[in-house]
Amino acid sequence: RLGRGGGSYDRVLARLTAAGATPALIVLLYANEVTAHVPAEPHDFPVDAVVTPEGPRRFGVS
């Protein structure tokens, strides 16, 4: 979950999806902020990767 509850990220991602764009969603975090499960709502988008000071970590890659 990103932001401060104003829905800015949700609106941008919805517009990108409507336009057919599929950008990589990468989040900058500290290592202690990376968790196995984050509460999600139907309008939320999963991230593809995180970058921490220790390095990048990709998710959902086969």
PDB file of N, CA and C in Angstrom:
ATOM      1  N   ARG A   1       0.846  -1.158   0.000  1.00  0.00           N
ATOM      2  CA  ARG A   1       0.000   0.000   0.000  1.00  0.00           C
ATOM      3  C   ARG A   1       0.895   1.225   0.000  1.00  0.00           C
ATOM      4  N   LEU A   2       0.530   2.173  -0.812  1.00  0.00           N
ATOM      5  CA  LEU A   2       1.355   3.369  -0.961  1.00  0.00           C
ATOM      6  C   LEU A   2       0.557   4.622  -0.626  1.00  0.00           C
ATOM      7  N   GLY A   3       1.273   5.667  -0.389  1.00  0.00           N
ATOM      8  CA  GLY A   3       0.640   6.976  -0.253  1.00  0.00           C
ATOM      9  C   GLY A   3       0.062   7.235   1.120  1.00  0.00           C
ATOM     10  N   ARG A   4      -0.803   8.223   1.140  1.00  0.00           N
ATOM     11  CA  ARG A   4      -1.383   8.672   2.407  1.00  0.00           C
ATOM     12  C   ARG A   4      -2.905   8.637   2.374  1.00  0.00           C
ATOM     13  N   GLY A   5      -3.474   7.786   1.556  1.00  0.00           N
ATOM     14  CA  GLY A   5      -4.921   7.624   1.542  1.00  0.00           C
ATOM     15  C   GLY A   5      -5.678   8.524   0.601  1.00  0.00           C
ATOM     16  N   GLY A   6      -4.987   9.306  -0.212  1.00  0.00           N
ATOM     17  CA  GLY A   6      -5.675  10.207  -1.127  1.00  0.00           C
ATOM     18  C   GLY A   6      -6.079   9.571  -2.444  1.00  0.00           C
ATOM     19  N   GLY A   7      -5.564   8.384  -2.727  1.00  0.00           N
ATOM     20  CA  GLY A   7      -5.939   7.678  -3.943  1.00  0.00           C
ATOM     21  C   GLY A   7      -5.174   8.091  -5.190  1.00  0.00           C
ATOM     22  N   SER A   8      -4.147   8.911  -5.061  1.00  0.00           N
ATOM     23  CA  SER A   8      -3.398   9.376  -6.237  1.00  0.00           C
ATOM     24  C   SER A   8      -2.780   8.230  -7.015  1.00  0.00           C
ATOM     25  N   TYR A   9      -2.105   7.328  -6.313  1.00  0.00           N
ATOM     26  CA  TYR A   9      -1.481   6.193  -6.997  1.00  0.00           C
ATOM     27  C   TYR A   9      -2.532   5.305  -7.643  1.00  0.00           C
ATOM     28  N   ASP A  10      -3.642   5.058  -6.940  1.00  0.00           N
ATOM     29  CA  ASP A  10      -4.709   4.227  -7.493  1.00  0.00           C
ATOM     30  C   ASP A  10      -5.250   4.810  -8.788  1.00  0.00           C
ATOM     31  N   ARG A  11      -5.458   6.124  -8.827  1.00  0.00           N
ATOM     32  CA  ARG A  11      -6.000   6.760 -10.032  1.00  0.00           C
ATOM     33  C   ARG A  11      -5.015   6.669 -11.195  1.00  0.00           C
ATOM     34  N   VAL A  12      -3.739   6.911 -10.929  1.00  0.00           N
ATOM     35  CA  VAL A  12      -2.735   6.837 -11.998  1.00  0.00           C
ATOM     36  C   VAL A  12      -2.639   5.420 -12.538  1.00  0.00           C
ATOM     37  N   LEU A  13      -2.580   4.435 -11.655  1.00  0.00           N
ATOM     38  CA  LEU A  13      -2.473   3.052 -12.108  1.00  0.00           C
ATOM     39  C   LEU A  13      -3.720   2.605 -12.867  1.00  0.00           C
ATOM     40  N   ALA A  14      -4.895   3.054 -12.456  1.00  0.00           N
ATOM     41  CA  ALA A  14      -6.119   2.734 -13.184  1.00  0.00           C
ATOM     42  C   ALA A  14      -6.094   3.348 -14.586  1.00  0.00           C
ATOM     43  N   ARG A  15      -5.596   4.573 -14.706  1.00  0.00           N
ATOM     44  CA  ARG A  15      -5.498   5.216 -16.028  1.00  0.00           C
ATOM     45  C   ARG A  15      -4.498   4.489 -16.922  1.00  0.00           C
ATOM     46  N   LEU A  16      -3.380   4.086 -16.360  1.00  0.00           N
ATOM     47  CA  LEU A  16      -2.389   3.338 -17.142  1.00  0.00           C
ATOM     48  C   LEU A  16      -2.967   2.011 -17.623  1.00  0.00           C
ATOM     49  N   THR A  17      -3.674   1.317 -16.745  1.00  0.00           N
ATOM     50  CA  THR A  17      -4.294   0.048 -17.116  1.00  0.00           C
ATOM     51  C   THR A  17      -5.320   0.259 -18.226  1.00  0.00           C
ATOM     52  N   ALA A  18      -6.145   1.285 -18.094  1.00  0.00           N
ATOM     53  CA  ALA A  18      -7.159   1.586 -19.109  1.00  0.00           C
ATOM     54  C   ALA A  18      -6.528   1.898 -20.458  1.00  0.00           C
ATOM     55  N   ALA A  19      -5.323   2.472 -20.432  1.00  0.00           N
ATOM     56  CA  ALA A  19      -4.613   2.811 -21.669  1.00  0.00           C
ATOM     57  C   ALA A  19      -3.838   1.617 -22.234  1.00  0.00           C
ATOM     58  N   GLY A  20      -3.882   0.480 -21.528  1.00  0.00           N
ATOM     59  CA  GLY A  20      -3.183  -0.701 -22.011  1.00  0.00           C
ATOM     60  C   GLY A  20      -1.723  -0.779 -21.599  1.00  0.00           C
ATOM     61  N   ALA A  21      -1.297   0.111 -20.740  1.00  0.00           N
ATOM     62  CA  ALA A  21       0.098   0.115 -20.287  1.00  0.00           C
ATOM     63  C   ALA A  21       0.275  -0.880 -19.142  1.00  0.00           C
ATOM     64  N   THR A  22       1.426  -1.507 -19.099  1.00  0.00           N
ATOM     65  CA  THR A  22       1.743  -2.432 -18.012  1.00  0.00           C
ATOM     66  C   THR A  22       3.132  -2.105 -17.463  1.00  0.00           C
ATOM     67  N   PRO A  23       3.246  -1.006 -16.740  1.00  0.00           N
ATOM     68  CA  PRO A  23       4.551  -0.614 -16.211  1.00  0.00           C
ATOM     69  C   PRO A  23       5.008  -1.551 -15.102  1.00  0.00           C
ATOM     70  N   ALA A  24       6.306  -1.685 -14.948  1.00  0.00           N
ATOM     71  CA  ALA A  24       6.849  -2.407 -13.798  1.00  0.00           C
ATOM     72  C   ALA A  24       6.611  -1.555 -12.560  1.00  0.00           C
ATOM     73  N   LEU A  25       6.081  -2.157 -11.528  1.00  0.00           N
ATOM     74  CA  LEU A  25       5.824  -1.430 -10.286  1.00  0.00           C
ATOM     75  C   LEU A  25       6.905  -1.803  -9.291  1.00  0.00           C
ATOM     76  N   ILE A  26       7.764  -0.834  -8.992  1.00  0.00           N
ATOM     77  CA  ILE A  26       8.919  -1.047  -8.132  1.00  0.00           C
ATOM     78  C   ILE A  26       8.842  -0.058  -6.976  1.00  0.00           C
ATOM     79  N   VAL A  27       9.063  -0.548  -5.770  1.00  0.00           N
ATOM     80  CA  VAL A  27       8.937   0.257  -4.566  1.00  0.00           C
ATOM     81  C   VAL A  27      10.284   0.327  -3.848  1.00  0.00           C
ATOM     82  N   LEU A  28      10.600   1.496  -3.331  1.00  0.00           N
ATOM     83  CA  LEU A  28      11.796   1.670  -2.516  1.00  0.00           C
ATOM     84  C   LEU A  28      11.411   1.506  -1.047  1.00  0.00           C
ATOM     85  N   LEU A  29      12.076   0.574  -0.361  1.00  0.00           N
ATOM     86  CA  LEU A  29      11.776   0.287   1.042  1.00  0.00           C
ATOM     87  C   LEU A  29      13.048   0.017   1.817  1.00  0.00           C
ATOM     88  N   TYR A  30      12.929   0.046   3.132  1.00  0.00           N
ATOM     89  CA  TYR A  30      13.976  -0.497   3.973  1.00  0.00           C
ATOM     90  C   TYR A  30      13.713  -1.990   4.118  1.00  0.00           C
ATOM     91  N   ALA A  31      14.749  -2.787   4.342  1.00  0.00           N
ATOM     92  CA  ALA A  31      14.613  -4.243   4.407  1.00  0.00           C
ATOM     93  C   ALA A  31      13.578  -4.681   5.438  1.00  0.00           C
ATOM     94  N   ASN A  32      13.494  -3.998   6.566  1.00  0.00           N
ATOM     95  CA  ASN A  32      12.536  -4.396   7.606  1.00  0.00           C
ATOM     96  C   ASN A  32      11.090  -4.073   7.233  1.00  0.00           C
ATOM     97  N   GLU A  33      10.869  -3.379   6.120  1.00  0.00           N
ATOM     98  CA  GLU A  33       9.507  -3.069   5.668  1.00  0.00           C
ATOM     99  C   GLU A  33       8.970  -4.097   4.674  1.00  0.00           C
ATOM    100  N   VAL A  34       9.817  -5.000   4.207  1.00  0.00           N
ATOM    101  CA  VAL A  34       9.386  -6.033   3.259  1.00  0.00           C
ATOM    102  C   VAL A  34       8.694  -7.138   4.038  1.00  0.00           C
ATOM    103  N   THR A  35       7.461  -7.463   3.661  1.00  0.00           N
ATOM    104  CA  THR A  35       6.695  -8.502   4.336  1.00  0.00           C
ATOM    105  C   THR A  35       6.151  -9.497   3.312  1.00  0.00           C
ATOM    106  N   ALA A  36       5.790 -10.676   3.786  1.00  0.00           N
ATOM    107  CA  ALA A  36       5.254 -11.715   2.900  1.00  0.00           C
ATOM    108  C   ALA A  36       3.822 -11.416   2.483  1.00  0.00           C
ATOM    109  N   HIS A  37       3.072 -10.699   3.315  1.00  0.00           N
ATOM    110  CA  HIS A  37       1.670 -10.431   2.998  1.00  0.00           C
ATOM    111  C   HIS A  37       1.329  -8.990   3.357  1.00  0.00           C
ATOM    112  N   VAL A  38       0.632  -8.329   2.438  1.00  0.00           N
ATOM    113  CA  VAL A  38       0.163  -6.966   2.657  1.00  0.00           C
ATOM    114  C   VAL A  38      -1.339  -6.968   2.430  1.00  0.00           C
ATOM    115  N   PRO A  39      -2.140  -6.390   3.325  1.00  0.00           N
ATOM    116  CA  PRO A  39      -3.585  -6.332   3.080  1.00  0.00           C
ATOM    117  C   PRO A  39      -3.858  -5.653   1.736  1.00  0.00           C
ATOM    118  N   ALA A  40      -4.798  -6.195   0.990  1.00  0.00           N
ATOM    119  CA  ALA A  40      -5.102  -5.651  -0.340  1.00  0.00           C
ATOM    120  C   ALA A  40      -6.603  -5.509  -0.532  1.00  0.00           C
ATOM    121  N   GLU A  41      -6.963  -4.522  -1.315  1.00  0.00           N
ATOM    122  CA  GLU A  41      -8.345  -4.305  -1.721  1.00  0.00           C
ATOM    123  C   GLU A  41      -8.418  -4.507  -3.224  1.00  0.00           C
ATOM    124  N   PRO A  42      -9.612  -4.673  -3.789  1.00  0.00           N
ATOM    125  CA  PRO A  42      -9.736  -4.967  -5.224  1.00  0.00           C
ATOM    126  C   PRO A  42      -9.029  -3.981  -6.153  1.00  0.00           C
ATOM    127  N   HIS A  43      -8.908  -2.718  -5.756  1.00  0.00           N
ATOM    128  CA  HIS A  43      -8.289  -1.714  -6.624  1.00  0.00           C
ATOM    129  C   HIS A  43      -6.767  -1.654  -6.470  1.00  0.00           C
ATOM    130  N   ASP A  44      -6.205  -2.421  -5.551  1.00  0.00           N
ATOM    131  CA  ASP A  44      -4.761  -2.396  -5.324  1.00  0.00           C
ATOM    132  C   ASP A  44      -4.020  -3.201  -6.385  1.00  0.00           C
ATOM    133  N   PHE A  45      -2.787  -2.819  -6.645  1.00  0.00           N
ATOM    134  CA  PHE A  45      -1.924  -3.497  -7.606  1.00  0.00           C
ATOM    135  C   PHE A  45      -0.743  -4.113  -6.859  1.00  0.00           C
ATOM    136  N   PRO A  46      -0.392  -5.362  -7.169  1.00  0.00           N
ATOM    137  CA  PRO A  46       0.809  -5.924  -6.537  1.00  0.00           C
ATOM    138  C   PRO A  46       2.064  -5.317  -7.160  1.00  0.00           C
ATOM    139  N   VAL A  47       3.121  -5.235  -6.382  1.00  0.00           N
ATOM    140  CA  VAL A  47       4.382  -4.715  -6.911  1.00  0.00           C
ATOM    141  C   VAL A  47       5.176  -5.854  -7.533  1.00  0.00           C
ATOM    142  N   ASP A  48       5.999  -5.507  -8.509  1.00  0.00           N
ATOM    143  CA  ASP A  48       6.853  -6.478  -9.184  1.00  0.00           C
ATOM    144  C   ASP A  48       8.181  -6.668  -8.471  1.00  0.00           C
ATOM    145  N   ALA A  49       8.628  -5.626  -7.784  1.00  0.00           N
ATOM    146  CA  ALA A  49       9.931  -5.692  -7.116  1.00  0.00           C
ATOM    147  C   ALA A  49      10.022  -4.616  -6.055  1.00  0.00           C
ATOM    148  N   VAL A  50      10.944  -4.838  -5.124  1.00  0.00           N
ATOM    149  CA  VAL A  50      11.314  -3.809  -4.159  1.00  0.00           C
ATOM    150  C   VAL A  50      12.816  -3.612  -4.259  1.00  0.00           C
ATOM    151  N   VAL A  51      13.240  -2.418  -3.914  1.00  0.00           N
ATOM    152  CA  VAL A  51      14.672  -2.129  -3.828  1.00  0.00           C
ATOM    153  C   VAL A  51      14.921  -1.629  -2.413  1.00  0.00           C
ATOM    154  N   THR A  52      15.825  -2.312  -1.720  1.00  0.00           N
ATOM    155  CA  THR A  52      16.209  -1.928  -0.370  1.00  0.00           C
ATOM    156  C   THR A  52      17.687  -1.548  -0.402  1.00  0.00           C
ATOM    157  N   PRO A  53      18.209  -0.972   0.661  1.00  0.00           N
ATOM    158  CA  PRO A  53      19.646  -0.685   0.686  1.00  0.00           C
ATOM    159  C   PRO A  53      20.506  -1.940   0.474  1.00  0.00           C
ATOM    160  N   GLU A  54      19.936  -3.110   0.790  1.00  0.00           N
ATOM    161  CA  GLU A  54      20.665  -4.359   0.607  1.00  0.00           C
ATOM    162  C   GLU A  54      20.623  -4.856  -0.835  1.00  0.00           C
ATOM    163  N   GLY A  55      19.705  -4.318  -1.649  1.00  0.00           N
ATOM    164  CA  GLY A  55      19.616  -4.713  -3.051  1.00  0.00           C
ATOM    165  C   GLY A  55      18.190  -4.963  -3.487  1.00  0.00           C
ATOM    166  N   PRO A  56      18.003  -5.295  -4.772  1.00  0.00           N
ATOM    167  CA  PRO A  56      16.659  -5.518  -5.309  1.00  0.00           C
ATOM    168  C   PRO A  56      16.134  -6.910  -4.982  1.00  0.00           C
ATOM    169  N   ARG A  57      14.816  -7.019  -4.973  1.00  0.00           N
ATOM    170  CA  ARG A  57      14.145  -8.311  -4.802  1.00  0.00           C
ATOM    171  C   ARG A  57      12.926  -8.317  -5.691  1.00  0.00           C
ATOM    172  N   ARG A  58      12.839  -9.287  -6.605  1.00  0.00           N
ATOM    173  CA  ARG A  58      11.714  -9.380  -7.526  1.00  0.00           C
ATOM    174  C   ARG A  58      10.668 -10.338  -6.985  1.00  0.00           C
ATOM    175  N   PHE A  59       9.401 -10.075  -7.330  1.00  0.00           N
ATOM    176  CA  PHE A  59       8.285 -10.919  -6.899  1.00  0.00           C
ATOM    177  C   PHE A  59       7.524 -11.420  -8.118  1.00  0.00           C
ATOM    178  N   GLY A  60       6.923 -12.582  -7.998  1.00  0.00           N
ATOM    179  CA  GLY A  60       6.044 -13.099  -9.036  1.00  0.00           C
ATOM    180  C   GLY A  60       6.734 -13.409 -10.347  1.00  0.00           C
ATOM    181  N   VAL A  61       8.032 -13.636 -10.321  1.00  0.00           N
ATOM    182  CA  VAL A  61       8.759 -13.955 -11.536  1.00  0.00           C
ATOM    183  C   VAL A  61       8.888 -15.464 -11.650  1.00  0.00           C
ATOM    184  N   SER A  62       8.480 -16.000 -12.793  1.00  0.00           N
ATOM    185  CA  SER A  62       8.578 -17.442 -13.005  1.00  0.00           C
ATOM    186  C   SER A  62       9.931 -17.818 -13.563  1.00  0.00           C
TER     187      SER A  62
END
